[in-house]
Every structure is written in C-alpha cells, then in structure tokens.
C-alpha atoms as a PDB file:
ATOM      1  CA  MET A   1     110.902 119.874 152.409  1.00  0.00           C
ATOM      2  CA  LEU A   2     115.076 119.506 151.145  1.00  0.00           C
ATOM      3  CA  THR A   3     116.132 121.037 154.600  1.00  0.00           C
ATOM      4  CA  GLY A   4     118.267 118.965 156.118  1.00  0.00           C
ATOM      5  CA  LYS A   5     117.042 116.416 153.753  1.00  0.00           C
ATOM      6  CA  LYS A   6     121.326 114.440 152.313  1.00  0.00           C
ATOM      7  CA  ALA A   7     120.100 112.008 148.739  1.00  0.00           C
ATOM      8  CA  VAL A   8     116.532 111.347 147.511  1.00  0.00           C
ATOM      9  CA  ILE A   9     115.078 108.635 146.428  1.00  0.00           C
ATOM     10  CA  PHE A  10     113.137 107.568 143.758  1.00  0.00           C
ATOM     11  CA  ASP A  11     110.468 105.217 142.855  1.00  0.00           C
ATOM     12  CA  MET A  12     110.846 105.105 139.482  1.00  0.00           C
ATOM     13  CA  ASP A  13     107.369 103.879 137.451  1.00  0.00           C
ATOM     14  CA  GLY A  14     104.247 106.538 138.575  1.00  0.00           C
ATOM     15  CA  SER A  15     106.800 108.395 140.316  1.00  0.00           C
ATOM     16  CA  LEU A  16     109.286 109.270 138.402  1.00  0.00           C
ATOM     17  CA  VAL A  17     109.148 108.849 134.905  1.00  0.00           C
ATOM     18  CA  ASP A  18     105.161 107.593 133.086  1.00  0.00           C
ATOM     19  CA  SER A  19     105.110 104.151 132.889  1.00  0.00           C
ATOM     20  CA  MET A  20     102.487 102.285 134.777  1.00  0.00           C
ATOM     21  CA  TRP A  21      99.791 102.163 132.377  1.00  0.00           C
ATOM     22  CA  ILE A  22     102.745  99.532 130.266  1.00  0.00           C
ATOM     23  CA  TRP A  23     101.140  96.817 133.377  1.00  0.00           C
ATOM     24  CA  PRO A  24      97.629  96.790 132.894  1.00  0.00           C
ATOM     25  CA  GLU A  25      98.086  95.804 129.344  1.00  0.00           C
ATOM     26  CA  VAL A  26     100.374  93.911 129.799  1.00  0.00           C
ATOM     27  CA  ASP A  27      98.437  91.434 132.047  1.00  0.00           C
ATOM     28  CA  ARG A  28      95.686  91.719 130.492  1.00  0.00           C
ATOM     29  CA  ILE A  29      97.651  90.243 127.582  1.00  0.00           C
ATOM     30  CA  TYR A  30      98.705  87.649 129.243  1.00  0.00           C
ATOM     31  CA  MET A  31      96.331  86.551 131.236  1.00  0.00           C
ATOM     32  CA  GLU A  32      94.561  86.134 127.835  1.00  0.00           C
ATOM     33  CA  LYS A  33      96.768  84.138 126.117  1.00  0.00           C
ATOM     34  CA  TYR A  34      97.552  81.518 129.110  1.00  0.00           C
ATOM     35  CA  HIS A  35      93.518  82.000 129.556  1.00  0.00           C
ATOM     36  CA  LEU A  36      93.447  82.822 132.932  1.00  0.00           C
ATOM     37  CA  SER A  37      91.214  84.875 135.461  1.00  0.00           C
ATOM     38  CA  GLU A  38      92.229  87.936 136.993  1.00  0.00           C
ATOM     39  CA  PRO A  39      90.846  87.692 141.044  1.00  0.00           C
ATOM     40  CA  ALA A  40      88.913  90.094 142.429  1.00  0.00           C
ATOM     41  CA  THR A  41      92.054  91.349 145.576  1.00  0.00           C
ATOM     42  CA  PHE A  42      94.303  91.664 142.217  1.00  0.00           C
ATOM     43  CA  HIS A  43      95.912  94.732 141.750  1.00  0.00           C
ATOM     44  CA  LYS A  44      96.207  94.969 145.893  1.00  0.00           C
ATOM     45  CA  ASP A  45      97.850  91.545 145.757  1.00  0.00           C
ATOM     46  CA  ILE A  46     100.399  92.970 143.464  1.00  0.00           C
ATOM     47  CA  GLU A  47     100.786  96.774 144.628  1.00  0.00           C
ATOM     48  CA  GLY A  48     104.998  97.220 145.617  1.00  0.00           C
ATOM     49  CA  MET A  49     105.641  93.781 145.338  1.00  0.00           C
ATOM     50  CA  SER A  50     109.224  92.812 143.233  1.00  0.00           C
ATOM     51  CA  TYR A  51     108.789  92.030 140.320  1.00  0.00           C
ATOM     52  CA  THR A  52     110.113  88.220 141.761  1.00  0.00           C
ATOM     53  CA  GLU A  53     107.610  88.830 143.700  1.00  0.00           C
ATOM     54  CA  THR A  54     104.736  89.287 141.666  1.00  0.00           C
ATOM     55  CA  ALA A  55     105.960  86.140 138.751  1.00  0.00           C
ATOM     56  CA  GLN A  56     106.086  84.070 142.166  1.00  0.00           C
ATOM     57  CA  TYR A  57     102.055  85.208 142.656  1.00  0.00           C
ATOM     58  CA  PHE A  58     101.867  84.109 139.124  1.00  0.00           C
ATOM     59  CA  VAL A  59     103.017  81.061 138.981  1.00  0.00           C
ATOM     60  CA  ASP A  60     101.182  80.593 142.089  1.00  0.00           C
ATOM     61  CA  THR A  61      97.735  81.854 141.892  1.00  0.00           C
ATOM     62  CA  PHE A  62      96.657  81.044 138.713  1.00  0.00           C
ATOM     63  CA  GLN A  63      97.366  76.999 139.095  1.00  0.00           C
ATOM     64  CA  THR A  64      97.042  76.338 135.052  1.00  0.00           C
ATOM     65  CA  LEU A  65      99.842  78.825 133.872  1.00  0.00           C
ATOM     66  CA  ASP A  66     102.364  75.942 133.093  1.00  0.00           C
ATOM     67  CA  ARG A  67     105.306  78.542 133.984  1.00  0.00           C
ATOM     68  CA  THR A  68     107.676  78.887 136.053  1.00  0.00           C
ATOM     69  CA  VAL A  69     109.218  82.050 137.665  1.00  0.00           C
ATOM     70  CA  GLU A  70     112.338  82.752 134.995  1.00  0.00           C
ATOM     71  CA  GLN A  71     109.660  81.974 132.452  1.00  0.00           C
ATOM     72  CA  VAL A  72     107.568  84.307 133.787  1.00  0.00           C
ATOM     73  CA  MET A  73     109.644  87.106 133.801  1.00  0.00           C
ATOM     74  CA  GLN A  74     111.078  86.653 130.928  1.00  0.00           C
ATOM     75  CA  GLU A  75     108.302  87.328 128.780  1.00  0.00           C
ATOM     76  CA  TRP A  76     107.307  90.226 130.880  1.00  0.00           C
ATOM     77  CA  ARG A  77     110.223  91.533 129.580  1.00  0.00           C
ATOM     78  CA  ASP A  78     109.788  90.275 126.215  1.00  0.00           C
ATOM     79  CA  MET A  79     106.724  92.279 125.864  1.00  0.00           C
ATOM     80  CA  THR A  80     107.706  95.622 128.039  1.00  0.00           C
ATOM     81  CA  THR A  81     111.865  96.805 127.448  1.00  0.00           C
ATOM     82  CA  HIS A  82     110.543  98.000 123.881  1.00  0.00           C
ATOM     83  CA  LEU A  83     108.449  99.510 125.442  1.00  0.00           C
ATOM     84  CA  TYR A  84     109.948 101.660 128.817  1.00  0.00           C
ATOM     85  CA  ALA A  85     113.303 102.000 125.657  1.00  0.00           C
ATOM     86  CA  THR A  86     110.237 104.549 123.728  1.00  0.00           C
ATOM     87  CA  LYS A  87     107.078 105.630 124.726  1.00  0.00           C
ATOM     88  CA  VAL A  88     108.528 106.118 128.613  1.00  0.00           C
ATOM     89  CA  PHE A  89     108.672 109.882 129.662  1.00  0.00           C
ATOM     90  CA  PRO A  90     109.963 111.205 132.768  1.00  0.00           C
ATOM     91  CA  LYS A  91     107.533 112.811 134.580  1.00  0.00           C
ATOM     92  CA  SER A  92     106.791 116.426 134.098  1.00  0.00           C
ATOM     93  CA  GLY A  93     109.512 119.100 135.882  1.00  0.00           C
ATOM     94  CA  ALA A  94     111.672 115.760 136.955  1.00  0.00           C
ATOM     95  CA  VAL A  95     114.579 116.349 135.031  1.00  0.00           C
ATOM     96  CA  GLU A  96     114.868 119.587 136.196  1.00  0.00           C
ATOM     97  CA  PHE A  97     114.626 118.575 139.182  1.00  0.00           C
ATOM     98  CA  LEU A  98     116.717 116.318 139.036  1.00  0.00           C
ATOM     99  CA  GLU A  99     118.820 119.421 138.029  1.00  0.00           C
ATOM    100  CA  ASP A 100     118.967 121.318 140.810  1.00  0.00           C
ATOM    101  CA  MET A 101     119.640 118.825 143.275  1.00  0.00           C
ATOM    102  CA  LYS A 102     123.091 117.556 141.700  1.00  0.00           C
ATOM    103  CA  LYS A 103     123.606 120.797 141.806  1.00  0.00           C
ATOM    104  CA  ARG A 104     122.715 121.049 145.564  1.00  0.00           C
ATOM    105  CA  GLY A 105     125.387 118.116 145.405  1.00  0.00           C
ATOM    106  CA  ILE A 106     121.899 115.839 147.240  1.00  0.00           C
ATOM    107  CA  LEU A 107     123.225 112.334 146.600  1.00  0.00           C
ATOM    108  CA  LEU A 108     120.495 110.665 143.978  1.00  0.00           C
ATOM    109  CA  GLY A 109     119.671 107.155 144.250  1.00  0.00           C
ATOM    110  CA  ILE A 110     116.232 104.905 142.742  1.00  0.00           C
ATOM    111  CA  ALA A 111     113.981 102.283 143.757  1.00  0.00           C
ATOM    112  CA  THR A 112     112.275 100.373 141.731  1.00  0.00           C
ATOM    113  CA  SER A 113     110.115  97.150 142.248  1.00  0.00           C
ATOM    114  CA  ASN A 114     110.714  96.555 138.693  1.00  0.00           C
ATOM    115  CA  ASP A 115     112.667  94.376 136.714  1.00  0.00           C
ATOM    116  CA  ARG A 116     116.269  96.249 136.277  1.00  0.00           C
ATOM    117  CA  THR A 117     117.041  95.214 132.868  1.00  0.00           C
ATOM    118  CA  ILE A 118     113.462  96.692 132.182  1.00  0.00           C
ATOM    119  CA  ALA A 119     114.826 100.033 134.566  1.00  0.00           C
ATOM    120  CA  ASP A 120     118.057 100.664 132.408  1.00  0.00           C
ATOM    121  CA  ALA A 121     116.639 100.454 129.493  1.00  0.00           C
ATOM    122  CA  ALA A 122     113.947 103.352 131.019  1.00  0.00           C
ATOM    123  CA  LEU A 123     116.868 104.816 132.782  1.00  0.00           C
ATOM    124  CA  ASN A 124     119.313 105.167 129.857  1.00  0.00           C
ATOM    125  CA  ALA A 125     116.918 106.056 126.972  1.00  0.00           C
ATOM    126  CA  ARG A 126     115.485 108.983 128.781  1.00  0.00           C
ATOM    127  CA  ARG A 127     119.546 109.732 129.452  1.00  0.00           C
ATOM    128  CA  LEU A 128     118.496 109.646 132.894  1.00  0.00           C
ATOM    129  CA  THR A 129     121.362 106.827 134.015  1.00  0.00           C
ATOM    130  CA  PRO A 130     124.526 109.755 134.934  1.00  0.00           C
ATOM    131  CA  TYR A 131     121.864 111.158 137.990  1.00  0.00           C
ATOM    132  CA  PHE A 132     122.126 108.325 140.386  1.00  0.00           C
ATOM    133  CA  ASP A 133     124.403 107.599 142.245  1.00  0.00           C
ATOM    134  CA  SER A 134     122.422 104.316 143.344  1.00  0.00           C
ATOM    135  CA  VAL A 135     120.207 101.905 141.200  1.00  0.00           C
ATOM    136  CA  ARG A 136     118.432  98.488 143.012  1.00  0.00           C
ATOM    137  CA  THR A 137     115.574  96.615 142.483  1.00  0.00           C
ATOM    138  CA  ALA A 138     113.323  94.589 145.201  1.00  0.00           C
ATOM    139  CA  CYS A 139     114.680  91.819 143.037  1.00  0.00           C
ATOM    140  CA  GLU A 140     118.158  92.818 144.635  1.00  0.00           C
ATOM    141  CA  VAL A 141     117.597  92.188 148.714  1.00  0.00           C
ATOM    142  CA  SER A 142     114.429  90.194 150.844  1.00  0.00           C
ATOM    143  CA  ALA A 143     111.615  91.953 150.684  1.00  0.00           C
ATOM    144  CA  GLY A 144     109.419  93.973 148.375  1.00  0.00           C
ATOM    145  CA  LYS A 145     107.434  97.678 149.610  1.00  0.00           C
ATOM    146  CA  PRO A 146     106.599  98.007 151.588  1.00  0.00           C
ATOM    147  CA  ALA A 147     108.732  95.836 153.342  1.00  0.00           C
ATOM    148  CA  PRO A 148     111.842  99.068 153.503  1.00  0.00           C
ATOM    149  CA  ASP A 149     114.171  96.878 152.218  1.00  0.00           C
ATOM    150  CA  VAL A 150     115.593  98.487 148.821  1.00  0.00           C
ATOM    151  CA  TYR A 151     115.456 102.099 150.373  1.00  0.00           C
ATOM    152  CA  LEU A 152     117.315 101.078 153.161  1.00  0.00           C
ATOM    153  CA  LYS A 153     119.570  99.861 150.644  1.00  0.00           C
ATOM    154  CA  VAL A 154     119.703 102.975 148.336  1.00  0.00           C
ATOM    155  CA  ALA A 155     120.465 104.415 151.820  1.00  0.00           C
ATOM    156  CA  GLU A 156     123.209 102.154 152.262  1.00  0.00           C
ATOM    157  CA  ASP A 157     124.663 102.766 148.884  1.00  0.00           C
ATOM    158  CA  LEU A 158     125.067 106.061 149.531  1.00  0.00           C
ATOM    159  CA  GLN A 159     125.649 106.244 152.727  1.00  0.00           C
ATOM    160  CA  VAL A 160     122.998 108.462 154.323  1.00  0.00           C
ATOM    161  CA  ASP A 161     121.559 108.110 157.322  1.00  0.00           C
ATOM    162  CA  PRO A 162     117.594 107.068 156.670  1.00  0.00           C
ATOM    163  CA  SER A 163     116.744 109.646 158.361  1.00  0.00           C
ATOM    164  CA  CYS A 164     118.119 112.136 155.382  1.00  0.00           C
ATOM    165  CA  CYS A 165     116.580 110.814 152.971  1.00  0.00           C
ATOM    166  CA  LEU A 166     113.497 111.615 151.016  1.00  0.00           C
ATOM    167  CA  VAL A 167     111.383 109.380 149.338  1.00  0.00           C
ATOM    168  CA  PHE A 168     108.600 109.993 146.195  1.00  0.00           C
ATOM    169  CA  GLU A 169     106.276 106.837 145.698  1.00  0.00           C
ATOM    170  CA  ASP A 170     103.386 107.205 143.865  1.00  0.00           C
ATOM    171  CA  VAL A 171     101.309 103.805 146.234  1.00  0.00           C
ATOM    172  CA  PRO A 172     100.493 103.454 149.241  1.00  0.00           C
ATOM    173  CA  ASN A 173     102.548  99.637 149.992  1.00  0.00           C
ATOM    174  CA  GLY A 174     106.144 102.034 148.260  1.00  0.00           C
ATOM    175  CA  ILE A 175     104.804 105.458 150.920  1.00  0.00           C
ATOM    176  CA  LEU A 176     104.957 102.694 153.599  1.00  0.00           C
ATOM    177  CA  ALA A 177     108.562 101.622 151.906  1.00  0.00           C
ATOM    178  CA  GLY A 178     109.871 105.097 152.311  1.00  0.00           C
ATOM    179  CA  LYS A 179     108.403 105.284 156.090  1.00  0.00           C
ATOM    180  CA  ASN A 180     109.074 101.601 156.695  1.00  0.00           C
ATOM    181  CA  ALA A 181     112.576 102.799 156.064  1.00  0.00           C
ATOM    182  CA  GLY A 182     112.810 105.876 158.333  1.00  0.00           C
ATOM    183  CA  MET A 183     112.404 107.783 156.073  1.00  0.00           C
ATOM    184  CA  GLU A 184     110.896 111.212 154.850  1.00  0.00           C
ATOM    185  CA  VAL A 185     108.292 110.143 152.088  1.00  0.00           C
ATOM    186  CA  CYS A 186     106.817 112.545 148.944  1.00  0.00           C
ATOM    187  CA  ALA A 187     103.715 111.485 147.247  1.00  0.00           C
ATOM    188  CA  VAL A 188     103.820 111.839 143.422  1.00  0.00           C
ATOM    189  CA  ASP A 189      99.935 111.829 141.376  1.00  0.00           C
ATOM    190  CA  ASP A 190      99.845 109.663 138.997  1.00  0.00           C
ATOM    191  CA  GLU A 191      96.760 108.504 136.782  1.00  0.00           C
ATOM    192  CA  PHE A 192      96.010 105.317 137.613  1.00  0.00           C
ATOM    193  CA  SER A 193      96.586 105.497 141.275  1.00  0.00           C
ATOM    194  CA  ARG A 194      94.276 108.494 141.617  1.00  0.00           C
ATOM    195  CA  PRO A 195      91.323 107.283 143.555  1.00  0.00           C
ATOM    196  CA  LEU A 196      94.253 106.340 146.309  1.00  0.00           C
ATOM    197  CA  GLU A 197      94.841 110.244 146.369  1.00  0.00           C
ATOM    198  CA  LYS A 198      92.514 110.360 149.918  1.00  0.00           C
ATOM    199  CA  GLU A 199      94.921 107.872 151.661  1.00  0.00           C
ATOM    200  CA  LYS A 200      98.588 108.832 149.492  1.00  0.00           C
ATOM    201  CA  LYS A 201      98.476 112.032 151.828  1.00  0.00           C
ATOM    202  CA  GLN A 202      97.328 110.948 154.821  1.00  0.00           C
ATOM    203  CA  LEU A 203     100.365 108.447 154.670  1.00  0.00           C
ATOM    204  CA  ALA A 204     102.747 110.826 153.352  1.00  0.00           C
ATOM    205  CA  ASP A 205     104.852 113.795 154.608  1.00  0.00           C
ATOM    206  CA  TYR A 206     104.512 115.652 151.337  1.00  0.00           C
ATOM    207  CA  PHE A 207     102.323 115.784 148.019  1.00  0.00           C
ATOM    208  CA  ILE A 208     102.682 117.181 144.339  1.00  0.00           C
ATOM    209  CA  HIS A 209     100.707 116.627 141.567  1.00  0.00           C
ATOM    210  CA  ASP A 210     104.608 117.453 139.350  1.00  0.00           C
ATOM    211  CA  PHE A 211     107.713 118.031 140.227  1.00  0.00           C
ATOM    212  CA  ASN A 212     106.870 121.386 138.735  1.00  0.00           C
ATOM    213  CA  ASP A 213     105.290 122.497 142.430  1.00  0.00           C
ATOM    214  CA  ILE A 214     108.545 121.892 144.344  1.00  0.00           C
ATOM    215  CA  PHE A 215     109.691 125.385 142.370  1.00  0.00           C
ATOM    216  CA  ARG A 216     106.499 127.175 142.890  1.00  0.00           C
ATOM    217  CA  HIS A 217     106.083 126.088 145.925  1.00  0.00           C
ATOM    218  CA  THR A 218     109.934 127.491 146.562  1.00  0.00           C
ATOM    219  CA  TYR A 219     109.488 130.242 144.691  1.00  0.00           C
ATOM    220  CA  GLU A 220     106.390 131.243 147.456  1.00  0.00           C
ATOM    221  CA  ARG A 221     108.032 131.057 150.643  1.00  0.00           C
ATOM    222  CA  CYS A 222     110.228 132.531 148.825  1.00  0.00           C
ATOM    223  CA  LYS A 223     108.378 136.268 147.695  1.00  0.00           C
ATOM    224  CA  LYS A 224     106.542 135.650 150.960  1.00  0.00           C
ATOM    225  CA  GLU A 225     110.008 136.350 153.285  1.00  0.00           C
ATOM    226  CA  GLN A 226     110.707 138.674 151.183  1.00  0.00           C
END
C-alpha cells in the first residue's frame, strides 16, 4: 500500500475522524426549522459536494428557502463548529498512523469537502494540525468530489506527483475523486457508508476497517517473510 508513496492525503469526515453522525442531525434540524422536505435522492445528490456546493444545492432545490448561499453556510457553521471542536475524535489508530508516516518522512495532506472553519476547529481541537503539510477544502477549487480538483491541489502544495500519493476516503464519490486524480485509494469503513461497502471495495485499491488494520497487515507480512 505504501510502497513508492511520497504523500498520504486524507479526506477528513468519516475517513480521518468520526464525524459523519453530525450531518444527518444538522440536516434534520435545518429542514424542520424551514419546513423543508428531503428529496428521495437527497443523500446521493450531495455526496462529495463541497460545503459551498451543498449550500447552493439547498438554495436551488428548496424553493421556499429564502436564504442566500452565504446565510445557509453560516447557519451550518454556527450549528456545527462547537460539535466538531468538542465531540469529534480521530478514527481508531489514526494518530499512530500519522506519527508513523511522519517518522518515515511521508508528507501528509487533507482534502476535505467540509468548510475551512469547521475543518480547522476539528483538527486544532485534537492537535492534529501540526501533522499536515497541506489542508485544502473543495470550496477552494473549481469542483467538488468526484472531480479530482481538491486532491490535485493538495498534491501540488506538497510538490508530489499524483501517482506517488495514497488517498484515504470513506464514500464512493470521494474514492472516485482520488482515482480521477491518478492516485491509489484506500477505502475506510464508516458506519454511515457501510451500506455502500461493496461499491467502495470495487472502486478502491484497498479497504481497511480502521488504521490499526495497516499495522496488523504489516506485522503479518513481516512474520511471513521471516
């Protein structure tokens, strides 16, 4: 998995940190507040969209929502920033994996669809920020996932060829974004995308239940080689 890799790039929500549980509740509260009805294709429609693109989707889809894109985004920030700073934690084995990558001299990046303020709140609260050489959001590029833009932007920051990057992602559109960028992708198990596990495994190059799997597999391989 790591052979020939010079950089590892993480999606944040559901991949590096356990945070996907926040958004269904935010959607529920927000829709109740403005008396909105969720379309049947809602979750598939917004999968991989940037924070800005998702807000635009709300404005375009819900005709009774008399709010600007900026107002929608600010309300979401107000609802979630404290939760991210206090209730969101790294996936099992993630910190140990980050430390191991640093020791190996592998560059680290974040390519998230989330808002920068929220991403910073989550990373700073868990003291993860110093691990990363680049943190980019899909709002900073032309198109959200499955477009490759945010992954290519992080690779550009790191000055690493995409073919030498490994991506960790938890949803199909994110996996496609990494693949479309010309990178290898490891799918990460997450409760909220578990119904899509078969599709994730088909799209990705690798699959892990958590970051401890990487250490276990490395240990098992070393044992076999002895």
